[in-house]
Amino acid sequence: MAVLFVVFVGSVVLIVFSAVKSTEVYKDALARAKAHPAVIEAVGSPVTEGFLVSGNTNVNGASGEANLSIPIAGPKGKGTIYVAARKSLGQWKYSGLVFEIAKTHQRIDLLQSPAPASSP
């Protein structure tokens, strides 16, 4: 009986995490972080996503909201992507999208375009 309960709880957790990870806002936030030069500099490449996403998403057709914490890591370090967004008229608008480096707690605004690399 206990084994069945553990399997049931594990299945529910897996389904919930999979549902969050399949959302458009999750995928976009992760893609932005993986492509941002300052994030790559902070954690190294390749950037991998963690399993334990926290927060919530609530989507109802063309509207919704999302508040997520997405752990990511690379060979040089790790950190968390924080997402705050609303969906209106079928389009997500971020009120906040930042990456916080775990070691220094420095935050990188992923909504800002990265500064172009200077040429020597």
N, C-alpha and C. Protein backbone atom coordinates (compact mmCIF):
# COMPACT_ATOMS: atom_id res chain seq x y z
N MET A 1 0.82 -1.19 0.00
CA MET A 1 0.00 0.00 0.00
C MET A 1 0.87 1.26 0.00
N ALA A 2 1.91 1.27 0.82
CA ALA A 2 2.80 2.43 0.91
C ALA A 2 3.52 2.66 -0.42
N VAL A 3 3.92 1.60 -1.09
CA VAL A 3 4.61 1.72 -2.38
C VAL A 3 3.67 2.33 -3.41
N LEU A 4 2.43 1.89 -3.43
CA LEU A 4 1.45 2.46 -4.36
C LEU A 4 1.23 3.95 -4.10
N PHE A 5 1.20 4.33 -2.83
CA PHE A 5 1.03 5.74 -2.48
C PHE A 5 2.22 6.57 -2.98
N VAL A 6 3.42 6.08 -2.78
CA VAL A 6 4.63 6.78 -3.24
C VAL A 6 4.63 6.89 -4.77
N VAL A 7 4.26 5.83 -5.44
CA VAL A 7 4.18 5.86 -6.91
C VAL A 7 3.13 6.87 -7.36
N PHE A 8 1.99 6.90 -6.71
CA PHE A 8 0.93 7.84 -7.04
C PHE A 8 1.39 9.29 -6.86
N VAL A 9 1.99 9.60 -5.72
CA VAL A 9 2.48 10.95 -5.45
C VAL A 9 3.56 11.33 -6.45
N GLY A 10 4.47 10.42 -6.73
CA GLY A 10 5.52 10.68 -7.71
C GLY A 10 4.95 10.96 -9.10
N SER A 11 3.93 10.23 -9.47
CA SER A 11 3.29 10.44 -10.77
C SER A 11 2.63 11.81 -10.85
N VAL A 12 1.95 12.21 -9.79
CA VAL A 12 1.30 13.51 -9.75
C VAL A 12 2.34 14.63 -9.87
N VAL A 13 3.43 14.52 -9.12
CA VAL A 13 4.50 15.53 -9.17
C VAL A 13 5.08 15.61 -10.58
N LEU A 14 5.34 14.48 -11.19
CA LEU A 14 5.89 14.45 -12.54
C LEU A 14 4.94 15.11 -13.54
N ILE A 15 3.67 14.84 -13.42
CA ILE A 15 2.67 15.43 -14.33
C ILE A 15 2.61 16.95 -14.15
N VAL A 16 2.64 17.41 -12.90
CA VAL A 16 2.58 18.86 -12.64
C VAL A 16 3.81 19.55 -13.21
N PHE A 17 5.01 19.03 -12.95
CA PHE A 17 6.23 19.66 -13.47
C PHE A 17 6.25 19.63 -14.99
N SER A 18 5.80 18.54 -15.58
CA SER A 18 5.75 18.45 -17.03
C SER A 18 4.78 19.46 -17.62
N ALA A 19 3.66 19.68 -16.95
CA ALA A 19 2.68 20.65 -17.43
C ALA A 19 3.25 22.06 -17.41
N VAL A 20 3.94 22.43 -16.34
CA VAL A 20 4.54 23.76 -16.24
C VAL A 20 5.63 23.91 -17.30
N LYS A 21 6.46 22.90 -17.47
CA LYS A 21 7.56 22.98 -18.42
C LYS A 21 7.09 23.00 -19.87
N SER A 22 5.86 22.63 -20.12
CA SER A 22 5.35 22.65 -21.49
C SER A 22 4.70 23.99 -21.85
N THR A 23 4.62 24.92 -20.90
CA THR A 23 3.98 26.20 -21.18
C THR A 23 4.87 27.09 -22.05
N GLU A 24 4.22 27.92 -22.81
CA GLU A 24 4.91 28.85 -23.71
C GLU A 24 5.82 29.81 -22.94
N VAL A 25 5.34 30.32 -21.81
CA VAL A 25 6.11 31.30 -21.04
C VAL A 25 7.36 30.65 -20.44
N TYR A 26 7.27 29.41 -19.98
CA TYR A 26 8.43 28.69 -19.45
C TYR A 26 9.48 28.51 -20.55
N LYS A 27 9.04 28.03 -21.71
CA LYS A 27 9.97 27.77 -22.81
C LYS A 27 10.65 29.05 -23.28
N ASP A 28 9.89 30.15 -23.36
CA ASP A 28 10.46 31.41 -23.81
C ASP A 28 11.48 31.96 -22.80
N ALA A 29 11.14 31.91 -21.52
CA ALA A 29 12.05 32.40 -20.49
C ALA A 29 13.35 31.60 -20.48
N LEU A 30 13.24 30.30 -20.60
CA LEU A 30 14.42 29.44 -20.63
C LEU A 30 15.28 29.72 -21.86
N ALA A 31 14.64 29.88 -23.01
CA ALA A 31 15.37 30.17 -24.25
C ALA A 31 16.10 31.50 -24.16
N ARG A 32 15.45 32.51 -23.58
CA ARG A 32 16.10 33.82 -23.42
C ARG A 32 17.33 33.72 -22.52
N ALA A 33 17.20 32.97 -21.43
CA ALA A 33 18.34 32.82 -20.51
C ALA A 33 19.49 32.07 -21.17
N LYS A 34 19.16 30.99 -21.89
CA LYS A 34 20.21 30.20 -22.53
C LYS A 34 20.94 30.97 -23.63
N ALA A 35 20.29 31.98 -24.20
CA ALA A 35 20.90 32.76 -25.28
C ALA A 35 21.57 34.04 -24.80
N HIS A 36 21.38 34.40 -23.54
CA HIS A 36 21.90 35.67 -23.03
C HIS A 36 23.39 35.53 -22.68
N PRO A 37 24.25 36.37 -23.26
CA PRO A 37 25.69 36.25 -23.02
C PRO A 37 26.09 36.37 -21.55
N ALA A 38 25.42 37.22 -20.77
CA ALA A 38 25.78 37.38 -19.36
C ALA A 38 25.44 36.14 -18.55
N VAL A 39 24.37 35.45 -18.91
CA VAL A 39 24.01 34.21 -18.23
C VAL A 39 25.03 33.13 -18.57
N ILE A 40 25.38 33.03 -19.84
CA ILE A 40 26.37 32.04 -20.26
C ILE A 40 27.71 32.30 -19.59
N GLU A 41 28.09 33.58 -19.48
CA GLU A 41 29.34 33.94 -18.81
C GLU A 41 29.29 33.53 -17.33
N ALA A 42 28.14 33.70 -16.70
CA ALA A 42 28.00 33.40 -15.27
C ALA A 42 28.00 31.91 -14.95
N VAL A 43 27.30 31.11 -15.76
CA VAL A 43 27.17 29.69 -15.43
C VAL A 43 27.91 28.75 -16.37
N GLY A 44 28.36 29.27 -17.51
CA GLY A 44 29.05 28.43 -18.49
C GLY A 44 28.07 27.79 -19.45
N SER A 45 28.63 27.08 -20.40
CA SER A 45 27.82 26.42 -21.41
C SER A 45 28.21 24.95 -21.47
N PRO A 46 27.28 24.05 -21.61
CA PRO A 46 25.86 24.23 -21.87
C PRO A 46 25.09 24.57 -20.59
N VAL A 47 23.99 25.29 -20.77
CA VAL A 47 23.08 25.63 -19.68
C VAL A 47 22.00 24.55 -19.64
N THR A 48 21.81 23.98 -18.47
CA THR A 48 20.78 22.94 -18.31
C THR A 48 19.74 23.39 -17.29
N GLU A 49 18.51 22.97 -17.51
CA GLU A 49 17.43 23.33 -16.61
C GLU A 49 17.32 22.34 -15.47
N GLY A 50 16.93 22.83 -14.32
CA GLY A 50 16.72 21.97 -13.17
C GLY A 50 15.34 21.34 -13.21
N PHE A 51 15.11 20.39 -12.35
CA PHE A 51 13.84 19.66 -12.34
C PHE A 51 12.77 20.39 -11.52
N LEU A 52 13.16 20.97 -10.38
CA LEU A 52 12.20 21.49 -9.42
C LEU A 52 11.78 22.93 -9.72
N VAL A 53 10.95 23.11 -10.71
CA VAL A 53 10.38 24.41 -11.03
C VAL A 53 9.34 24.73 -9.97
N SER A 54 9.33 25.98 -9.49
CA SER A 54 8.30 26.36 -8.53
C SER A 54 7.52 27.56 -9.05
N GLY A 55 6.37 27.78 -8.46
CA GLY A 55 5.51 28.87 -8.88
C GLY A 55 4.22 28.34 -9.46
N ASN A 56 3.56 29.18 -10.26
CA ASN A 56 2.30 28.75 -10.83
C ASN A 56 2.04 29.42 -12.17
N THR A 57 1.22 28.77 -12.96
CA THR A 57 0.72 29.34 -14.20
C THR A 57 -0.78 29.12 -14.21
N ASN A 58 -1.48 30.09 -14.74
CA ASN A 58 -2.92 30.00 -14.85
C ASN A 58 -3.29 30.56 -16.21
N VAL A 59 -3.62 29.69 -17.14
CA VAL A 59 -3.94 30.10 -18.50
C VAL A 59 -5.37 29.69 -18.81
N ASN A 60 -6.11 30.64 -19.35
CA ASN A 60 -7.49 30.38 -19.74
C ASN A 60 -7.67 30.96 -21.14
N GLY A 61 -7.36 30.17 -22.14
CA GLY A 61 -7.48 30.63 -23.53
C GLY A 61 -6.46 31.70 -23.84
N ALA A 62 -6.93 32.90 -24.18
CA ALA A 62 -6.06 33.99 -24.60
C ALA A 62 -5.56 34.84 -23.44
N SER A 63 -5.90 34.47 -22.20
CA SER A 63 -5.44 35.25 -21.06
C SER A 63 -4.83 34.32 -20.01
N GLY A 64 -4.06 34.93 -19.13
CA GLY A 64 -3.47 34.14 -18.06
C GLY A 64 -2.40 34.90 -17.33
N GLU A 65 -1.76 34.22 -16.40
CA GLU A 65 -0.64 34.79 -15.66
C GLU A 65 0.31 33.69 -15.25
N ALA A 66 1.56 34.09 -15.03
CA ALA A 66 2.58 33.13 -14.62
C ALA A 66 3.56 33.79 -13.67
N ASN A 67 3.92 33.08 -12.63
CA ASN A 67 4.96 33.47 -11.68
C ASN A 67 5.78 32.21 -11.43
N LEU A 68 6.99 32.18 -11.97
CA LEU A 68 7.80 30.97 -11.92
C LEU A 68 9.20 31.24 -11.41
N SER A 69 9.80 30.23 -10.83
CA SER A 69 11.22 30.19 -10.48
C SER A 69 11.79 28.95 -11.16
N ILE A 70 12.73 29.18 -12.06
CA ILE A 70 13.29 28.10 -12.87
C ILE A 70 14.77 27.95 -12.55
N PRO A 71 15.18 26.86 -11.91
CA PRO A 71 16.60 26.68 -11.64
C PRO A 71 17.34 26.24 -12.90
N ILE A 72 18.52 26.83 -13.12
CA ILE A 72 19.39 26.41 -14.22
C ILE A 72 20.82 26.28 -13.70
N ALA A 73 21.63 25.54 -14.44
CA ALA A 73 23.02 25.33 -14.04
C ALA A 73 23.88 25.14 -15.27
N GLY A 74 25.16 25.38 -15.07
CA GLY A 74 26.16 25.15 -16.09
C GLY A 74 27.43 24.70 -15.41
N PRO A 75 28.49 24.49 -16.18
CA PRO A 75 29.73 24.00 -15.59
C PRO A 75 30.39 24.98 -14.61
N LYS A 76 30.08 26.27 -14.72
CA LYS A 76 30.71 27.28 -13.86
C LYS A 76 29.85 27.72 -12.67
N GLY A 77 28.58 27.34 -12.66
CA GLY A 77 27.73 27.78 -11.56
C GLY A 77 26.27 27.50 -11.82
N LYS A 78 25.45 28.09 -10.96
CA LYS A 78 24.01 27.89 -11.09
C LYS A 78 23.28 29.14 -10.65
N GLY A 79 21.96 29.14 -10.90
CA GLY A 79 21.14 30.27 -10.51
C GLY A 79 19.69 29.99 -10.81
N THR A 80 18.88 31.05 -10.71
CA THR A 80 17.44 30.91 -10.87
C THR A 80 16.91 31.99 -11.79
N ILE A 81 16.05 31.58 -12.72
CA ILE A 81 15.32 32.52 -13.56
C ILE A 81 14.00 32.81 -12.85
N TYR A 82 13.71 34.09 -12.65
CA TYR A 82 12.44 34.50 -12.06
C TYR A 82 11.58 35.12 -13.14
N VAL A 83 10.34 34.63 -13.26
CA VAL A 83 9.43 35.07 -14.32
C VAL A 83 8.14 35.60 -13.70
N ALA A 84 7.73 36.79 -14.13
CA ALA A 84 6.42 37.33 -13.80
C ALA A 84 5.83 37.82 -15.11
N ALA A 85 4.71 37.25 -15.51
CA ALA A 85 4.13 37.60 -16.81
C ALA A 85 2.62 37.48 -16.79
N ARG A 86 2.00 38.23 -17.70
CA ARG A 86 0.55 38.15 -17.91
C ARG A 86 0.30 37.91 -19.38
N LYS A 87 -0.71 37.12 -19.66
CA LYS A 87 -1.10 36.85 -21.04
C LYS A 87 -2.40 37.59 -21.31
N SER A 88 -2.38 38.41 -22.34
CA SER A 88 -3.57 39.16 -22.72
C SER A 88 -3.68 39.16 -24.23
N LEU A 89 -4.87 38.91 -24.73
CA LEU A 89 -5.10 38.85 -26.17
C LEU A 89 -4.19 37.84 -26.85
N GLY A 90 -3.87 36.78 -26.14
CA GLY A 90 -3.07 35.70 -26.70
C GLY A 90 -1.57 35.92 -26.68
N GLN A 91 -1.11 37.02 -26.05
CA GLN A 91 0.33 37.32 -26.06
C GLN A 91 0.84 37.54 -24.63
N TRP A 92 2.00 36.93 -24.32
CA TRP A 92 2.61 37.08 -23.01
C TRP A 92 3.37 38.40 -22.95
N LYS A 93 3.20 39.14 -21.84
CA LYS A 93 3.93 40.37 -21.55
C LYS A 93 4.60 40.17 -20.19
N TYR A 94 5.91 40.35 -20.18
CA TYR A 94 6.65 40.16 -18.94
C TYR A 94 6.64 41.44 -18.11
N SER A 95 6.32 41.31 -16.83
CA SER A 95 6.51 42.43 -15.91
C SER A 95 7.87 42.29 -15.23
N GLY A 96 8.45 41.10 -15.30
CA GLY A 96 9.79 40.85 -14.79
C GLY A 96 10.32 39.55 -15.34
N LEU A 97 11.58 39.58 -15.74
CA LEU A 97 12.27 38.37 -16.21
C LEU A 97 13.74 38.56 -15.89
N VAL A 98 14.19 37.96 -14.80
CA VAL A 98 15.57 38.14 -14.35
C VAL A 98 16.21 36.79 -14.05
N PHE A 99 17.53 36.79 -14.13
CA PHE A 99 18.32 35.62 -13.73
C PHE A 99 19.15 36.05 -12.54
N GLU A 100 19.07 35.28 -11.45
CA GLU A 100 19.87 35.57 -10.26
C GLU A 100 20.96 34.51 -10.11
N ILE A 101 22.21 34.96 -10.08
CA ILE A 101 23.35 34.07 -9.91
C ILE A 101 23.37 33.60 -8.45
N ALA A 102 23.42 32.31 -8.24
CA ALA A 102 23.32 31.73 -6.89
C ALA A 102 24.45 32.21 -5.98
N LYS A 103 25.66 32.23 -6.48
CA LYS A 103 26.83 32.52 -5.65
C LYS A 103 26.87 33.98 -5.19
N THR A 104 26.57 34.92 -6.09
CA THR A 104 26.72 36.35 -5.79
C THR A 104 25.40 37.08 -5.57
N HIS A 105 24.30 36.47 -5.94
CA HIS A 105 22.96 37.07 -5.89
C HIS A 105 22.83 38.26 -6.83
N GLN A 106 23.77 38.39 -7.76
CA GLN A 106 23.67 39.43 -8.78
C GLN A 106 22.53 39.06 -9.71
N ARG A 107 21.77 40.08 -10.14
CA ARG A 107 20.64 39.84 -11.04
C ARG A 107 20.93 40.40 -12.43
N ILE A 108 20.53 39.61 -13.43
CA ILE A 108 20.67 39.99 -14.83
C ILE A 108 19.27 40.13 -15.41
N ASP A 109 18.95 41.32 -15.93
CA ASP A 109 17.64 41.57 -16.51
C ASP A 109 17.61 40.95 -17.90
N LEU A 110 16.80 39.94 -18.09
CA LEU A 110 16.74 39.24 -19.37
C LEU A 110 15.84 39.95 -20.39
N LEU A 111 15.17 41.01 -19.95
CA LEU A 111 14.36 41.80 -20.86
C LEU A 111 15.18 42.88 -21.57
N GLN A 112 16.32 43.22 -20.98
CA GLN A 112 17.24 44.19 -21.59
C GLN A 112 18.07 43.49 -22.65
N SER A 113 18.30 44.16 -23.75
CA SER A 113 19.19 43.60 -24.77
C SER A 113 20.61 43.64 -24.22
N PRO A 114 21.36 42.56 -24.40
CA PRO A 114 22.74 42.57 -23.92
C PRO A 114 23.56 43.60 -24.68
N ALA A 115 24.53 44.19 -23.98
CA ALA A 115 25.41 45.16 -24.64
C ALA A 115 26.24 44.46 -25.70
N PRO A 116 26.42 45.09 -26.86
CA PRO A 116 27.22 44.45 -27.89
C PRO A 116 28.67 44.32 -27.45
N ALA A 117 29.28 43.23 -27.87
CA ALA A 117 30.70 43.00 -27.53
C ALA A 117 31.55 44.05 -28.21
N SER A 118 32.50 44.60 -27.45
CA SER A 118 33.37 45.62 -28.04
C SER A 118 34.49 44.97 -28.83
N SER A 119 34.85 45.60 -29.93
CA SER A 119 35.92 45.06 -30.79
C SER A 119 37.24 45.66 -30.36
N PRO A 120 38.32 44.88 -30.37
CA PRO A 120 39.63 45.42 -29.96
C PRO A 120 40.20 46.37 -31.00
